[in-house]
Amino acid sequence: MWDNSLNIGPSEWMIIIFVALVLILGTGKLPGTAKKLGKAVNEYNKAKNDIQDHMKEVTDEVPKISGPVETEREKLEMMAKSIGVKVEGKTDDDLRKIISTKMGQKRIDENPDNK
C-alpha cells in the first residue's frame, strides 16, 4: 500500500497538480483550458438540474397513496387516475377495459418493434 511518509496534505497536492498543469500546458494554454473546463462543468450542472426538475414534475403528477387500498373499486380508480382517465360514471368493467387498453398502448409505444 501507499506509505504517506512524505506527509503531503490535500492543499499541497493541489499545488503540485497546478504546477504540473502549467508545465504540461504552458501559461498560454492554461486559461483556455480552464475556460473549457468551466463551460463543461456548467453544462453538466444545467443538465443535472433539468433532469431533477423533470423528475420532480413527474413525481408530482402521480397521485399519492395515503394508505392501503381497501376495495377493488378504489384500486381501479387509483390506476385510472394515474394514467389520466376520468372515473365518474364508469363501471368497474369499463375501467378495467380502459386501463388494459391504455397499458397495452404504452407497451406498444415503448417497444415499436413489437407489433
C-alpha atoms as a PDB file:
ATOM      1  CA  MET A   1       0.000   0.000   0.000  1.00  0.00           C
ATOM      2  CA  TRP A   2       0.879   3.643  -0.149  1.00  0.00           C
ATOM      3  CA  ASP A   3       3.079   4.885   2.646  1.00  0.00           C
ATOM      4  CA  ASN A   4       2.352   8.528   3.411  1.00  0.00           C
ATOM      5  CA  SER A   5       5.842   9.166   4.760  1.00  0.00           C
ATOM      6  CA  LEU A   6       6.059  12.369   2.707  1.00  0.00           C
ATOM      7  CA  ASN A   7       3.269  13.941   4.778  1.00  0.00           C
ATOM      8  CA  ILE A   8       1.734  15.676   1.755  1.00  0.00           C
ATOM      9  CA  GLY A   9      -1.726  17.037   2.507  1.00  0.00           C
ATOM     10  CA  PRO A  10      -4.575  17.880   0.128  1.00  0.00           C
ATOM     11  CA  SER A  11      -3.564  21.515  -0.286  1.00  0.00           C
ATOM     12  CA  GLU A  12      -0.032  20.521  -1.229  1.00  0.00           C
ATOM     13  CA  TRP A  13      -1.408  18.045  -3.803  1.00  0.00           C
ATOM     14  CA  MET A  14      -3.440  20.862  -5.369  1.00  0.00           C
ATOM     15  CA  ILE A  15      -0.308  22.978  -5.707  1.00  0.00           C
ATOM     16  CA  ILE A  16       1.625  20.060  -7.227  1.00  0.00           C
ATOM     17  CA  ILE A  17      -1.177  19.379  -9.733  1.00  0.00           C
ATOM     18  CA  PHE A  18      -1.372  23.074 -10.656  1.00  0.00           C
ATOM     19  CA  VAL A  19       2.389  23.294 -11.234  1.00  0.00           C
ATOM     20  CA  ALA A  20       2.264  20.095 -13.327  1.00  0.00           C
ATOM     21  CA  LEU A  21      -0.550  21.556 -15.469  1.00  0.00           C
ATOM     22  CA  VAL A  22       1.412  24.767 -16.009  1.00  0.00           C
ATOM     23  CA  LEU A  23       4.480  22.751 -17.036  1.00  0.00           C
ATOM     24  CA  ILE A  24       2.479  20.496 -19.371  1.00  0.00           C
ATOM     25  CA  LEU A  25       0.134  23.047 -20.947  1.00  0.00           C
ATOM     26  CA  GLY A  26       2.212  26.171 -20.622  1.00  0.00           C
ATOM     27  CA  THR A  27       0.953  29.518 -19.386  1.00  0.00           C
ATOM     28  CA  GLY A  28      -0.645  30.370 -22.732  1.00  0.00           C
ATOM     29  CA  LYS A  29      -2.987  27.363 -22.920  1.00  0.00           C
ATOM     30  CA  LEU A  30      -3.951  27.234 -19.241  1.00  0.00           C
ATOM     31  CA  PRO A  31      -6.639  29.995 -19.328  1.00  0.00           C
ATOM     32  CA  GLY A  32      -8.311  28.467 -22.391  1.00  0.00           C
ATOM     33  CA  THR A  33      -8.289  25.024 -20.798  1.00  0.00           C
ATOM     34  CA  ALA A  34      -9.747  26.411 -17.567  1.00  0.00           C
ATOM     35  CA  LYS A  35     -12.474  28.196 -19.556  1.00  0.00           C
ATOM     36  CA  LYS A  36     -13.396  24.982 -21.395  1.00  0.00           C
ATOM     37  CA  LEU A  37     -13.449  23.074 -18.120  1.00  0.00           C
ATOM     38  CA  GLY A  38     -15.696  25.728 -16.572  1.00  0.00           C
ATOM     39  CA  LYS A  39     -18.126  25.510 -19.514  1.00  0.00           C
ATOM     40  CA  ALA A  40     -18.225  21.706 -19.251  1.00  0.00           C
ATOM     41  CA  VAL A  41     -18.978  21.866 -15.517  1.00  0.00           C
ATOM     42  CA  ASN A  42     -21.683  24.482 -16.160  1.00  0.00           C
ATOM     43  CA  GLU A  43     -23.329  22.348 -18.861  1.00  0.00           C
ATOM     44  CA  TYR A  44     -23.197  19.295 -16.594  1.00  0.00           C
ATOM     45  CA  ASN A  45     -24.874  21.193 -13.744  1.00  0.00           C
ATOM     46  CA  LYS A  46     -27.545  22.582 -16.091  1.00  0.00           C
ATOM     47  CA  ALA A  47     -28.351  19.109 -17.449  1.00  0.00           C
ATOM     48  CA  LYS A  48     -28.443  17.687 -13.912  1.00  0.00           C
ATOM     49  CA  ASN A  49     -30.846  20.410 -12.776  1.00  0.00           C
ATOM     50  CA  ASP A  50     -33.079  19.896 -15.832  1.00  0.00           C
ATOM     51  CA  ILE A  51     -33.315  16.170 -15.099  1.00  0.00           C
ATOM     52  CA  GLN A  52     -34.063  16.821 -11.419  1.00  0.00           C
ATOM     53  CA  ASP A  53     -36.799  19.313 -12.343  1.00  0.00           C
ATOM     54  CA  HIS A  54     -38.325  16.852 -14.814  1.00  0.00           C
ATOM     55  CA  MET A  55     -38.274  14.053 -12.236  1.00  0.00           C
ATOM     56  CA  LYS A  56     -39.959  16.340  -9.705  1.00  0.00           C
ATOM     57  CA  GLU A  57     -42.701  17.236 -12.225  1.00  0.00           C
ATOM     58  CA  VAL A  58     -43.318  13.572 -12.985  1.00  0.00           C
ATOM     59  CA  THR A  59     -43.490  12.556  -9.325  1.00  0.00           C
ATOM     60  CA  ASP A  60     -45.819  15.478  -8.537  1.00  0.00           C
ATOM     61  CA  GLU A  61     -48.269  14.283 -11.230  1.00  0.00           C
ATOM     62  CA  VAL A  62     -48.596  10.793  -9.756  1.00  0.00           C
ATOM     63  CA  PRO A  63     -51.370  10.668  -7.140  1.00  0.00           C
ATOM     64  CA  LYS A  64     -50.180   9.951  -3.633  1.00  0.00           C
ATOM     65  CA  ILE A  65     -51.360   6.782  -1.920  1.00  0.00           C
ATOM     66  CA  SER A  66     -52.416   7.653   1.598  1.00  0.00           C
ATOM     67  CA  GLY A  67     -52.879   4.105   2.816  1.00  0.00           C
ATOM     68  CA  PRO A  68     -53.768   0.590   1.770  1.00  0.00           C
ATOM     69  CA  VAL A  69     -56.425   0.182  -0.902  1.00  0.00           C
ATOM     70  CA  GLU A  70     -59.471  -1.345   0.726  1.00  0.00           C
ATOM     71  CA  THR A  71     -61.712  -2.152  -2.231  1.00  0.00           C
ATOM     72  CA  GLU A  72     -61.323  -3.225  -5.835  1.00  0.00           C
ATOM     73  CA  ARG A  73     -63.086  -0.028  -6.922  1.00  0.00           C
ATOM     74  CA  GLU A  74     -60.531   2.164  -5.114  1.00  0.00           C
ATOM     75  CA  LYS A  75     -57.736   0.240  -6.795  1.00  0.00           C
ATOM     76  CA  LEU A  76     -59.309   0.695 -10.238  1.00  0.00           C
ATOM     77  CA  GLU A  77     -59.946   4.403  -9.638  1.00  0.00           C
ATOM     78  CA  MET A  78     -56.376   4.970  -8.470  1.00  0.00           C
ATOM     79  CA  MET A  79     -54.957   3.177 -11.511  1.00  0.00           C
ATOM     80  CA  ALA A  80     -57.288   5.020 -13.894  1.00  0.00           C
ATOM     81  CA  LYS A  81     -56.457   8.435 -12.414  1.00  0.00           C
ATOM     82  CA  SER A  82     -52.729   7.705 -12.616  1.00  0.00           C
ATOM     83  CA  ILE A  83     -52.994   7.269 -16.409  1.00  0.00           C
ATOM     84  CA  GLY A  84     -55.319  10.257 -16.874  1.00  0.00           C
ATOM     85  CA  VAL A  85     -58.730   8.566 -17.115  1.00  0.00           C
ATOM     86  CA  LYS A  86     -61.834  10.188 -15.638  1.00  0.00           C
ATOM     87  CA  VAL A  87     -63.641   7.654 -13.425  1.00  0.00           C
ATOM     88  CA  GLU A  88     -67.021   9.368 -12.978  1.00  0.00           C
ATOM     89  CA  GLY A  89     -69.945   7.408 -14.409  1.00  0.00           C
ATOM     90  CA  LYS A  90     -67.875   4.358 -15.372  1.00  0.00           C
ATOM     91  CA  THR A  91     -68.419   0.823 -14.118  1.00  0.00           C
ATOM     92  CA  ASP A  92     -65.649  -1.397 -12.810  1.00  0.00           C
ATOM     93  CA  ASP A  93     -65.665  -3.340 -16.096  1.00  0.00           C
ATOM     94  CA  ASP A  94     -65.410  -0.111 -18.093  1.00  0.00           C
ATOM     95  CA  LEU A  95     -62.401   0.958 -16.032  1.00  0.00           C
ATOM     96  CA  ARG A  96     -60.730  -2.447 -16.420  1.00  0.00           C
ATOM     97  CA  LYS A  97     -61.108  -2.288 -20.217  1.00  0.00           C
ATOM     98  CA  ILE A  98     -59.828   1.278 -20.431  1.00  0.00           C
ATOM     99  CA  ILE A  99     -56.852   0.525 -18.168  1.00  0.00           C
ATOM    100  CA  SER A 100     -55.888  -2.623 -20.069  1.00  0.00           C
ATOM    101  CA  THR A 101     -56.211  -0.786 -23.395  1.00  0.00           C
ATOM    102  CA  LYS A 102     -54.074   2.144 -22.213  1.00  0.00           C
ATOM    103  CA  MET A 103     -51.457  -0.149 -20.681  1.00  0.00           C
ATOM    104  CA  GLY A 104     -51.292  -2.154 -23.914  1.00  0.00           C
ATOM    105  CA  GLN A 105     -50.808   1.052 -25.927  1.00  0.00           C
ATOM    106  CA  LYS A 106     -47.966   2.156 -23.679  1.00  0.00           C
ATOM    107  CA  ARG A 107     -46.188  -1.162 -24.140  1.00  0.00           C
ATOM    108  CA  ILE A 108     -46.542  -0.900 -27.917  1.00  0.00           C
ATOM    109  CA  ASP A 109     -45.345   2.726 -27.868  1.00  0.00           C
ATOM    110  CA  GLU A 110     -42.351   1.804 -25.706  1.00  0.00           C
ATOM    111  CA  ASN A 111     -41.396  -1.132 -27.987  1.00  0.00           C
ATOM    112  CA  PRO A 112     -42.173  -0.165 -31.601  1.00  0.00           C
ATOM    113  CA  ASP A 113     -40.603  -3.416 -32.852  1.00  0.00           C
ATOM    114  CA  ASN A 114     -43.273  -5.477 -31.051  1.00  0.00           C
ATOM    115  CA  LYS A 115     -46.207  -5.412 -33.459  1.00  0.00           C
END
